């Protein structure tokens, strides 16, 4: 967007070429008052090379500043998307770890119940157990088989979810090391300082601030409808038989000058555009303020929770 807007402020060079065949019918009165007519054909051509350098165009200046703010907003949106990706990645990783632990737990329970079932059968064969003990152990073992199937499916699903994000096969997961998970108190310890920092670096708020600036530049673009435009123009042109009064006549013309266009009246269009742009600025400011308060509340809630966990 920025190079496109900058291009509107840089010189513009254009070339034009035309060649045409013309046919003219002419009627005139002779000295006796009689009408005479004749016709003739001729070729005409025109070649021109034009250089135009904008000197003052308020609309283009505002458009360039607006493009810069749009890029800032796009970069903030990208940062937010990357943050969301990290959250998704961490969530998928922990879900896969949990599924892996649950699968290992079910396997251990199945082995334990298999041992109990075998022990119950030996005791029953020795005359020391009951048929009820065997049935109970068998039921527990069968339940773990169903739980094992469900845990295996969940383990495969969570690993596939992680694979979608990293775009690589997930065969094994690094286990967590509880010894390295040390809770540290937030620095700074003041929730207000965290709120101020959050308002400054929060990607969504940065996007909304950029939207406000974009809307303000839209106001300047609308107001530009009341301002003149000034261009520096240089042209080199060559014409041959330009019209039927200059047949077989050639002109080589060099033009250098300043072109000024002054808008006088456009039916109130620029005024209406300005009012609309001002309303959009107010809307963007209100959206930013609403989200700023929400972010402050979220930071305050999480900072208090972190402080309580550290105290525990």
Protein backbone atom coordinates (compact mmCIF):
# COMPACT_ATOMS: atom_id res chain seq x y z
CA UNK A 1 0.00 0.00 0.00
CA UNK A 2 2.81 2.43 0.80
CA UNK A 3 4.61 2.16 -2.58
CA UNK A 4 1.27 2.56 -4.35
CA UNK A 5 0.47 5.72 -2.39
CA UNK A 6 4.01 7.07 -2.80
CA UNK A 7 3.75 6.60 -6.55
CA UNK A 8 0.97 9.21 -6.62
CA UNK A 9 3.50 11.80 -5.39
CA UNK A 10 6.26 10.96 -7.87
CA UNK A 11 6.66 12.10 -11.49
CA UNK A 12 4.44 10.57 -14.11
CA UNK A 13 5.72 10.19 -17.66
CA UNK A 14 3.40 9.30 -20.54
CA UNK A 15 3.70 9.09 -24.32
CA UNK A 16 0.94 9.36 -26.88
CA UNK A 17 0.90 8.62 -30.58
CA UNK A 18 -1.88 9.10 -33.10
CA UNK A 19 -2.05 8.85 -36.88
CA UNK A 20 -5.23 9.14 -38.88
CA UNK A 21 -6.55 9.58 -42.40
CA UNK A 22 -8.83 12.56 -42.86
CA UNK A 23 -11.34 13.35 -45.60
CA UNK A 24 -12.60 16.94 -45.96
CA UNK A 25 -15.42 18.30 -48.13
CA UNK A 26 -15.20 22.06 -48.70
CA UNK A 27 -17.84 24.46 -50.07
CA UNK A 28 -17.18 28.11 -50.89
CA UNK A 29 -18.54 31.01 -52.94
CA UNK A 30 -16.64 32.36 -55.93
CA UNK A 31 -16.52 36.06 -56.86
CA UNK A 32 -19.76 35.66 -58.83
CA UNK A 33 -21.56 34.24 -55.81
CA UNK A 34 -21.72 30.72 -57.15
CA UNK A 35 -21.17 27.76 -54.83
CA UNK A 36 -18.14 25.66 -55.53
CA UNK A 37 -17.16 22.48 -53.76
CA UNK A 38 -14.18 20.20 -53.68
CA UNK A 39 -12.83 17.43 -51.47
CA UNK A 40 -9.40 16.27 -50.49
CA UNK A 41 -7.80 13.59 -48.30
CA UNK A 42 -4.73 13.92 -46.10
CA UNK A 43 -2.91 12.12 -43.26
CA UNK A 44 -2.33 13.74 -39.89
CA UNK A 45 -0.16 12.59 -36.99
CA UNK A 46 0.68 13.71 -33.46
CA UNK A 47 3.41 12.58 -31.09
CA UNK A 48 3.72 13.81 -27.50
CA UNK A 49 5.86 13.05 -24.45
CA UNK A 50 4.48 14.48 -21.20
CA UNK A 51 6.03 14.76 -17.73
CA UNK A 52 3.75 15.63 -14.81
CA UNK A 53 5.08 16.22 -11.30
CA UNK A 54 2.50 16.75 -8.53
CA UNK A 55 3.41 19.78 -6.43
CA UNK A 56 0.41 20.09 -4.11
CA UNK A 57 -2.26 17.44 -3.83
CA UNK A 58 -3.73 17.21 -0.36
CA UNK A 59 -5.63 14.05 -1.25
CA UNK A 60 -2.45 12.20 -2.24
CA UNK A 61 -0.56 13.41 0.85
CA UNK A 62 -3.35 12.08 3.09
CA UNK A 63 -3.48 8.85 1.11
CA UNK A 64 0.26 8.30 1.68
CA UNK A 65 -0.05 8.86 5.45
CA UNK A 66 -3.11 6.59 5.49
CA UNK A 67 -1.19 3.81 3.73
CA UNK A 68 1.52 3.98 6.39
CA UNK A 69 -1.07 3.55 9.13
CA UNK A 70 -2.69 0.68 7.21
CA UNK A 71 0.65 -1.11 7.09
CA UNK A 72 1.09 -0.63 10.84
CA UNK A 73 -2.35 -2.11 11.40
CA UNK A 74 -1.57 -5.06 9.12
CA UNK A 75 1.67 -5.75 11.01
CA UNK A 76 -0.20 -5.64 14.33
CA UNK A 77 -2.79 -8.05 12.92
CA UNK A 78 0.02 -10.38 11.87
CA UNK A 79 1.50 -10.22 15.39
CA UNK A 80 -1.88 -11.11 16.83
CA UNK A 81 -2.18 -14.06 14.45
CA UNK A 82 1.26 -15.30 15.49
CA UNK A 83 0.26 -15.02 19.16
CA UNK A 84 -2.93 -16.96 18.46
CA UNK A 85 -0.83 -19.60 16.69
CA UNK A 86 1.42 -19.95 19.74
CA UNK A 87 -1.63 -20.37 21.98
CA UNK A 88 -3.06 -23.02 19.64
CA UNK A 89 0.28 -24.80 19.50
CA UNK A 90 0.68 -24.82 23.27
CA UNK A 91 -2.92 -26.00 23.73
CA UNK A 92 -2.50 -28.82 21.22
CA UNK A 93 0.79 -29.86 22.83
CA UNK A 94 -0.67 -30.04 26.34
CA UNK A 95 -3.76 -31.88 25.08
CA UNK A 96 -1.49 -34.43 23.40
CA UNK A 97 0.56 -34.81 26.60
CA UNK A 98 -2.61 -35.32 28.62
CA UNK A 99 -3.88 -37.93 26.15
CA UNK A 100 -0.51 -39.69 26.31
CA UNK A 101 -0.61 -39.82 30.12
CA UNK A 102 -4.21 -41.02 30.11
CA UNK A 103 -3.30 -43.77 27.64
CA UNK A 104 -0.37 -44.85 29.82
CA UNK A 105 -2.66 -44.87 32.89
CA UNK A 106 -5.23 -47.06 31.16
CA UNK A 107 -2.49 -49.49 30.06
CA UNK A 108 -1.25 -49.72 33.65
CA UNK A 109 -4.78 -50.31 34.94
CA UNK A 110 -5.36 -52.99 32.31
CA UNK A 111 -2.21 -54.82 33.37
CA UNK A 112 -3.18 -54.51 37.03
CA UNK A 113 -6.68 -55.86 36.40
CA UNK A 114 -5.25 -58.65 34.24
CA UNK A 115 -3.09 -59.65 37.22
CA UNK A 116 -6.06 -59.53 39.56
CA UNK A 117 -8.07 -61.68 37.14
CA UNK A 118 -5.31 -64.29 36.95
CA UNK A 119 -4.92 -64.28 40.74
CA UNK A 120 -8.67 -64.73 41.23
CA UNK A 121 -8.68 -67.69 38.88
CA UNK A 122 -5.79 -69.36 40.71
CA UNK A 123 -7.45 -68.83 44.07
CA UNK A 124 -10.71 -70.24 42.74
CA UNK A 125 -8.90 -73.26 41.34
CA UNK A 126 -7.28 -73.77 44.73
CA UNK A 127 -10.65 -73.59 46.45
CA UNK A 128 -9.90 -70.33 48.25
CA UNK A 129 -11.73 -67.84 45.99
CA UNK A 130 -15.25 -67.32 44.71
CA UNK A 131 -16.79 -67.10 41.30
CA UNK A 132 -17.88 -63.55 42.12
CA UNK A 133 -14.26 -62.45 42.50
CA UNK A 134 -13.48 -63.77 39.02
CA UNK A 135 -16.51 -62.05 37.48
CA UNK A 136 -15.67 -58.76 39.18
CA UNK A 137 -12.04 -58.87 38.01
CA UNK A 138 -13.16 -59.86 34.51
CA UNK A 139 -15.60 -56.90 34.38
CA UNK A 140 -12.90 -54.47 35.47
CA UNK A 141 -10.49 -55.88 32.90
CA UNK A 142 -13.07 -55.65 30.11
CA UNK A 143 -13.82 -52.04 31.07
CA UNK A 144 -10.15 -51.11 30.78
CA UNK A 145 -10.06 -52.67 27.31
CA UNK A 146 -12.81 -50.29 26.21
CA UNK A 147 -11.05 -47.41 27.93
CA UNK A 148 -7.81 -48.36 26.19
CA UNK A 149 -9.50 -48.15 22.78
CA UNK A 150 -10.94 -44.75 23.61
CA UNK A 151 -7.60 -43.49 24.97
CA UNK A 152 -5.78 -44.73 21.86
CA UNK A 153 -8.22 -42.93 19.59
CA UNK A 154 -7.89 -39.74 21.65
CA UNK A 155 -4.09 -39.99 21.57
CA UNK A 156 -4.11 -40.29 17.78
CA UNK A 157 -6.56 -37.41 17.43
CA UNK A 158 -4.55 -35.01 19.62
CA UNK A 159 -1.34 -35.86 17.80
CA UNK A 160 -3.01 -35.23 14.46
CA UNK A 161 -4.23 -31.87 15.74
CA UNK A 162 -0.64 -31.02 16.67
CA UNK A 163 0.59 -32.32 13.31
CA UNK A 164 -1.79 -29.95 11.48
CA UNK A 165 -0.11 -26.97 13.16
CA UNK A 166 3.55 -28.03 12.81
CA UNK A 167 3.03 -29.75 9.43
CA UNK A 168 5.29 -32.63 10.46
CA UNK A 169 4.57 -36.16 11.70
CA UNK A 170 4.37 -36.32 15.50
CA UNK A 171 5.79 -39.61 16.71
CA UNK A 172 6.88 -38.64 20.23
CA UNK A 173 6.38 -35.76 22.62
CA UNK A 174 8.86 -34.18 25.01
CA UNK A 175 7.68 -34.68 28.58
CA UNK A 176 7.31 -31.81 31.02
CA UNK A 177 9.97 -31.34 33.69
CA UNK A 178 8.20 -30.21 36.90
CA UNK A 179 11.52 -29.13 38.43
CA UNK A 180 11.87 -26.45 35.79
CA UNK A 181 8.34 -25.10 36.25
CA UNK A 182 9.08 -22.48 38.88
CA UNK A 183 6.45 -19.84 39.48
CA UNK A 184 7.89 -16.36 39.55
CA UNK A 185 6.19 -13.23 40.78
CA UNK A 186 5.27 -10.80 38.01
CA UNK A 187 7.63 -7.90 37.46
CA UNK A 188 6.42 -5.23 37.88
CA UNK A 189 4.10 -6.35 40.66
CA UNK A 190 1.58 -3.57 40.06
CA UNK A 191 -1.48 -4.43 37.99
CA UNK A 192 -1.73 -0.82 36.82
CA UNK A 193 1.76 -0.97 35.32
CA UNK A 194 0.84 -4.19 33.52
CA UNK A 195 -2.31 -2.54 32.20
CA UNK A 196 -0.30 0.42 30.88
CA UNK A 197 2.19 -1.95 29.25
CA UNK A 198 -0.62 -4.06 27.82
CA UNK A 199 -2.30 -1.03 26.25
CA UNK A 200 1.00 -0.17 24.59
CA UNK A 201 1.98 -3.55 23.14
CA UNK A 202 -1.33 -5.40 22.80
CA UNK A 203 -1.60 -6.37 19.14
CA UNK A 204 -5.36 -5.88 18.94
CA UNK A 205 -5.16 -2.41 20.49
CA UNK A 206 -2.34 -1.51 18.11
CA UNK A 207 -4.59 -2.51 15.21
CA UNK A 208 -7.44 -0.40 16.57
CA UNK A 209 -5.14 2.60 17.06
CA UNK A 210 -4.01 2.24 13.46
CA UNK A 211 -7.67 2.10 12.40
CA UNK A 212 -8.25 5.43 14.16
CA UNK A 213 -5.37 7.04 12.26
CA UNK A 214 -6.63 5.55 8.99
CA UNK A 215 -10.06 7.06 9.67
CA UNK A 216 -8.51 10.46 10.47
CA UNK A 217 -6.61 10.46 7.20
CA UNK A 218 -9.87 9.64 5.47
CA UNK A 219 -11.17 12.93 6.87
CA UNK A 220 -8.23 14.77 5.29
CA UNK A 221 -8.90 12.99 2.00
CA UNK A 222 -12.53 14.12 2.11
CA UNK A 223 -11.53 17.71 2.93
CA UNK A 224 -9.12 17.66 -0.01
CA UNK A 225 -12.16 18.12 -2.23
CA UNK A 226 -12.09 21.81 -1.21
CA UNK A 227 -8.40 22.33 -1.97
CA UNK A 228 -6.75 23.13 -5.30
CA UNK A 229 -4.23 20.85 -6.98
CA UNK A 230 -0.96 22.10 -8.42
CA UNK A 231 1.14 20.17 -10.96
CA UNK A 232 4.31 20.98 -12.83
CA UNK A 233 3.86 19.95 -16.48
CA UNK A 234 6.50 19.58 -19.22
CA UNK A 235 5.59 18.39 -22.70
CA UNK A 236 7.35 17.86 -26.02
CA UNK A 237 5.03 17.32 -28.98
CA UNK A 238 5.28 17.04 -32.75
CA UNK A 239 2.31 17.32 -35.09
CA UNK A 240 2.02 16.91 -38.86
CA UNK A 241 -1.03 18.22 -40.79
CA UNK A 242 -2.80 18.81 -37.53
CA UNK A 243 -5.97 20.12 -39.21
CA UNK A 244 -7.30 20.94 -42.66
CA UNK A 245 -5.84 24.45 -42.53
CA UNK A 246 -2.30 23.23 -41.87
CA UNK A 247 -1.91 20.41 -44.37
CA UNK A 248 1.73 19.46 -44.96
CA UNK A 249 2.69 21.71 -42.05
CA UNK A 250 4.73 20.42 -39.14
CA UNK A 251 4.91 21.82 -35.60
CA UNK A 252 7.44 20.97 -32.90
CA UNK A 253 6.24 22.36 -29.57
CA UNK A 254 7.87 22.41 -26.13
CA UNK A 255 5.66 23.27 -23.16
CA UNK A 256 6.73 23.89 -19.56
CA UNK A 257 4.31 25.31 -17.03
CA UNK A 258 2.26 25.00 -13.88
CA UNK A 259 -1.28 23.64 -13.95
CA UNK A 260 -3.68 24.65 -11.18
CA UNK A 261 -7.15 23.16 -10.75
CA UNK A 262 -9.47 24.90 -8.28
CA UNK A 263 -12.71 23.13 -7.24
CA UNK A 264 -15.61 25.57 -6.93
CA UNK A 265 -18.78 23.62 -6.26
CA UNK A 266 -19.59 19.90 -6.35
CA UNK A 267 -23.13 19.85 -5.01
CA UNK A 268 -22.04 19.35 -1.39
CA UNK A 269 -20.31 16.05 -2.12
CA UNK A 270 -17.08 16.93 -0.27
CA UNK A 271 -19.03 18.18 2.76
CA UNK A 272 -21.04 14.96 2.95
CA UNK A 273 -17.88 12.87 2.62
CA UNK A 274 -16.26 14.85 5.44
CA UNK A 275 -19.21 14.31 7.77
CA UNK A 276 -19.17 10.60 7.02
CA UNK A 277 -15.41 10.40 7.65
CA UNK A 278 -15.75 12.22 10.98
CA UNK A 279 -18.44 9.78 12.05
CA UNK A 280 -16.13 6.88 11.16
CA UNK A 281 -13.39 8.43 13.30
CA UNK A 282 -15.74 8.56 16.27
CA UNK A 283 -16.76 4.95 15.70
CA UNK A 284 -13.12 3.81 15.58
CA UNK A 285 -12.31 5.75 18.76
CA UNK A 286 -15.26 4.22 20.62
CA UNK A 287 -14.30 0.71 19.49
CA UNK A 288 -10.74 1.30 20.71
CA UNK A 289 -11.92 2.65 24.06
CA UNK A 290 -14.27 -0.30 24.63
CA UNK A 291 -11.57 -2.84 23.82
CA UNK A 292 -8.98 -0.94 25.91
CA UNK A 293 -11.19 -1.26 28.98
CA UNK A 294 -11.74 -4.97 28.31
CA UNK A 295 -7.99 -5.57 27.96
CA UNK A 296 -7.35 -3.70 31.21
CA UNK A 297 -9.92 -5.84 33.03
CA UNK A 298 -8.43 -9.06 31.62
CA UNK A 299 -4.90 -8.05 32.65
CA UNK A 300 -6.08 -7.12 36.15
CA UNK A 301 -7.86 -10.49 36.55
CA UNK A 302 -4.90 -12.57 35.35
CA UNK A 303 -2.34 -10.57 37.34
CA UNK A 304 -4.28 -11.12 40.57
CA UNK A 305 -4.58 -14.84 39.82
CA UNK A 306 -0.82 -15.03 39.20
CA UNK A 307 -0.10 -13.28 42.50
CA UNK A 308 -2.36 -15.72 44.41
CA UNK A 309 -0.66 -18.72 42.79
CA UNK A 310 2.75 -17.35 43.72
CA UNK A 311 1.64 -16.87 47.33
CA UNK A 312 0.37 -20.46 47.45
